[in-house]
Amino acid sequence: MNLWPEEGGIVLENQLYNLIEQLEDTIEQGKKMPFTAKVMVDEDQLLEILESIKSVIPHEIQQATMVLTERDRLIEDAREESLRLVNNAKKQADQMVNENTVLVRAQEYADDLIKKAQTYSRDVKMSALKYSDELMRNLEIKLESTFKALRTSREELALLGQEDPDDEDAEKSA
């Protein structure tokens, strides 16, 4: 598996793999010691292979370190981006809460104005009804007074007409 981003990583990986295979082949081709699990191998050949492995490994470690550094940078970038997104989300939520608060306050203000207008309208209506009733009551009193005066005048006229019988006789002789 290649851990290095550049093309050279594949070559180094293959080179290391080939060196390990050479090491295995050298051991497998070595002479077995009778009655033991030991093998005799060409020391120079083994040392040469090990020296090649040593030269390849530092570069591979450097490549792996670069990969880890890149991974850490990507993780940090992702963390910063997530913090930025969370902060933006919080700001939007706060803004929405503020907008909602303004909307609620505006609605409360509108409801209060409607209630005040309804109360004022009711008060004006009641005042108009009371005023009209008072005017009609005053008119009724004046009309009753006028009717009383008319009745009194009619009664007086009727009495005047009954009191003077002589006037009636004088009127008849004439």
Protein backbone atom coordinates (compact mmCIF):
# COMPACT_ATOMS: atom_id res chain seq x y z
CA MET A 1 0.00 0.00 0.00
CA ASN A 2 1.42 3.34 -1.04
CA LEU A 3 1.40 6.02 1.66
CA TRP A 4 3.25 8.66 -0.36
CA PRO A 5 1.51 11.18 -2.53
CA GLU A 6 4.23 11.60 -5.15
CA GLU A 7 5.30 9.09 -7.79
CA GLY A 8 8.64 8.42 -6.08
CA GLY A 9 6.81 6.77 -3.18
CA ILE A 10 5.69 3.88 -5.36
CA VAL A 11 9.23 3.28 -6.55
CA LEU A 12 10.63 3.35 -3.01
CA GLU A 13 7.89 1.04 -1.78
CA ASN A 14 8.63 -1.42 -4.56
CA GLN A 15 12.34 -1.08 -3.93
CA LEU A 16 11.91 -1.86 -0.22
CA TYR A 17 9.64 -4.79 -1.04
CA ASN A 18 12.21 -6.12 -3.55
CA LEU A 19 15.01 -5.81 -0.99
CA ILE A 20 13.00 -7.77 1.57
CA GLU A 21 12.33 -10.47 -1.04
CA GLN A 22 16.07 -10.62 -1.81
CA LEU A 23 16.73 -11.04 1.89
CA GLU A 24 14.22 -13.91 2.04
CA ASP A 25 15.69 -15.51 -1.09
CA THR A 26 19.21 -15.27 0.32
CA ILE A 27 18.09 -16.98 3.54
CA GLU A 28 16.15 -19.64 1.62
CA GLN A 29 19.14 -20.34 -0.63
CA GLY A 30 21.52 -20.58 2.29
CA LYS A 31 22.92 -23.95 3.35
CA LYS A 32 20.98 -25.58 6.16
CA MET A 33 22.93 -26.82 9.09
CA PRO A 34 22.18 -30.41 9.80
CA PHE A 35 20.09 -31.14 12.87
CA THR A 36 19.38 -27.43 13.52
CA ALA A 37 17.10 -24.74 12.24
CA LYS A 38 20.06 -22.61 11.31
CA VAL A 39 21.16 -21.61 7.83
CA MET A 40 24.53 -20.50 6.56
CA VAL A 41 24.32 -17.47 4.28
CA ASP A 42 26.75 -15.23 2.50
CA GLU A 43 27.46 -12.50 5.04
CA ASP A 44 28.51 -9.91 2.47
CA GLN A 45 25.37 -10.46 0.45
CA LEU A 46 23.17 -10.08 3.59
CA LEU A 47 25.03 -6.97 4.71
CA GLU A 48 24.67 -5.43 1.27
CA ILE A 49 20.90 -6.07 1.26
CA LEU A 50 20.56 -4.71 4.82
CA GLU A 51 22.57 -1.62 3.84
CA SER A 52 20.21 -1.05 0.89
CA ILE A 53 17.21 -1.43 3.20
CA LYS A 54 18.74 1.11 5.60
CA SER A 55 19.15 3.61 2.79
CA VAL A 56 15.56 3.15 1.61
CA ILE A 57 13.89 3.20 5.05
CA PRO A 58 14.88 6.78 6.07
CA HIS A 59 13.32 8.10 2.88
CA GLU A 60 10.18 6.05 3.53
CA ILE A 61 10.04 7.30 7.12
CA GLN A 62 10.42 10.83 5.80
CA GLN A 63 7.56 10.16 3.35
CA ALA A 64 5.43 8.69 6.15
CA THR A 65 6.21 11.73 8.32
CA MET A 66 5.12 13.97 5.46
CA VAL A 67 1.89 12.01 5.15
CA LEU A 68 1.27 12.30 8.89
CA THR A 69 2.03 16.02 8.80
CA GLU A 70 -0.35 16.47 5.87
CA ARG A 71 -2.98 14.44 7.72
CA ASP A 72 -2.55 16.62 10.82
CA ARG A 73 -2.85 19.76 8.70
CA LEU A 74 -6.02 18.45 7.04
CA ILE A 75 -7.47 17.54 10.45
CA GLU A 76 -6.65 21.01 11.77
CA ASP A 77 -8.17 22.63 8.67
CA ALA A 78 -11.29 20.50 9.12
CA ARG A 79 -11.45 21.43 12.81
CA GLU A 80 -11.12 25.14 12.00
CA GLU A 81 -13.76 24.84 9.29
CA SER A 82 -16.12 23.02 11.66
CA LEU A 83 -15.58 25.74 14.30
CA ARG A 84 -16.27 28.39 11.67
CA LEU A 85 -19.45 26.58 10.61
CA VAL A 86 -20.59 26.18 14.22
CA ASN A 87 -19.91 29.88 14.91
CA ASN A 88 -21.81 30.87 11.76
CA ALA A 89 -24.69 28.61 12.78
CA LYS A 90 -24.73 30.18 16.25
CA LYS A 91 -24.72 33.68 14.73
CA GLN A 92 -27.58 32.75 12.42
CA ALA A 93 -29.51 31.20 15.30
CA ASP A 94 -28.93 34.33 17.42
CA GLN A 95 -30.02 36.52 14.51
CA MET A 96 -33.14 34.41 14.02
CA VAL A 97 -33.89 34.64 17.75
CA ASN A 98 -33.40 38.43 17.60
CA GLU A 99 -35.59 38.69 14.52
CA ASN A 100 -38.18 36.51 16.20
CA THR A 101 -37.98 38.69 19.32
CA VAL A 102 -38.52 41.79 17.20
CA LEU A 103 -41.43 40.09 15.46
CA VAL A 104 -42.95 39.04 18.78
CA ARG A 105 -42.55 42.57 20.16
CA ALA A 106 -44.09 44.06 17.02
CA GLN A 107 -47.01 41.64 17.28
CA GLU A 108 -47.47 42.49 20.96
CA TYR A 109 -47.37 46.21 20.11
CA ALA A 110 -49.92 45.71 17.32
CA ASP A 111 -52.18 43.70 19.65
CA ASP A 112 -51.89 46.44 22.27
CA LEU A 113 -52.78 49.11 19.69
CA ILE A 114 -55.80 47.07 18.57
CA LYS A 115 -56.99 46.68 22.17
CA LYS A 116 -56.55 50.41 22.81
CA ALA A 117 -58.40 51.25 19.58
CA GLN A 118 -61.24 48.88 20.52
CA THR A 119 -61.42 50.37 24.02
CA TYR A 120 -61.40 53.90 22.60
CA SER A 121 -64.08 52.96 20.08
CA ARG A 122 -66.23 51.43 22.83
CA ASP A 123 -65.72 54.53 25.02
CA VAL A 124 -66.62 56.88 22.14
CA LYS A 125 -69.71 54.79 21.34
CA MET A 126 -70.81 54.77 25.00
CA SER A 127 -70.20 58.53 25.25
CA ALA A 128 -72.22 59.13 22.09
CA LEU A 129 -75.05 56.94 23.41
CA LYS A 130 -75.05 58.76 26.76
CA TYR A 131 -74.99 62.15 25.01
CA SER A 132 -77.84 61.13 22.70
CA ASP A 133 -79.81 59.79 25.66
CA GLU A 134 -79.22 63.02 27.58
CA LEU A 135 -80.32 65.13 24.61
CA MET A 136 -83.47 63.04 24.18
CA ARG A 137 -84.20 63.16 27.92
CA ASN A 138 -83.82 66.97 27.88
CA LEU A 139 -86.03 67.15 24.78
CA GLU A 140 -88.56 64.87 26.46
CA ILE A 141 -88.57 67.09 29.56
CA LYS A 142 -89.01 70.20 27.42
CA LEU A 143 -91.75 68.53 25.36
CA GLU A 144 -93.48 67.33 28.51
CA SER A 145 -93.25 70.87 29.86
CA THR A 146 -94.57 72.20 26.58
CA PHE A 147 -97.41 69.63 26.53
CA LYS A 148 -98.20 70.50 30.13
CA ALA A 149 -98.30 74.16 29.22
CA LEU A 150 -100.52 73.37 26.23
CA ARG A 151 -102.84 71.24 28.35
CA THR A 152 -102.98 73.93 30.96
CA SER A 153 -103.73 76.56 28.33
CA ARG A 154 -106.46 74.37 26.82
CA GLU A 155 -107.96 73.70 30.21
CA GLU A 156 -107.93 77.42 30.97
CA LEU A 157 -109.60 78.10 27.66
CA ALA A 158 -112.17 75.45 28.41
CA LEU A 159 -112.81 76.99 31.82
CA LEU A 160 -113.10 80.43 30.34
CA GLY A 161 -115.65 79.15 27.95
CA GLN A 162 -117.77 77.66 30.77
CA GLU A 163 -117.52 80.57 33.26
CA ASP A 164 -119.31 83.32 31.38
CA PRO A 165 -122.94 82.21 30.73
CA ASP A 166 -123.93 85.86 30.17
CA ASP A 167 -121.60 86.07 27.35
CA GLU A 168 -123.34 83.12 25.87
CA ASP A 169 -126.75 84.78 26.15
CA ALA A 170 -125.38 87.99 24.67
CA GLU A 171 -123.96 86.09 21.85
CA LYS A 172 -127.29 84.34 21.25
CA SER A 173 -129.27 87.60 21.15
CA ALA A 174 -126.97 89.15 18.81
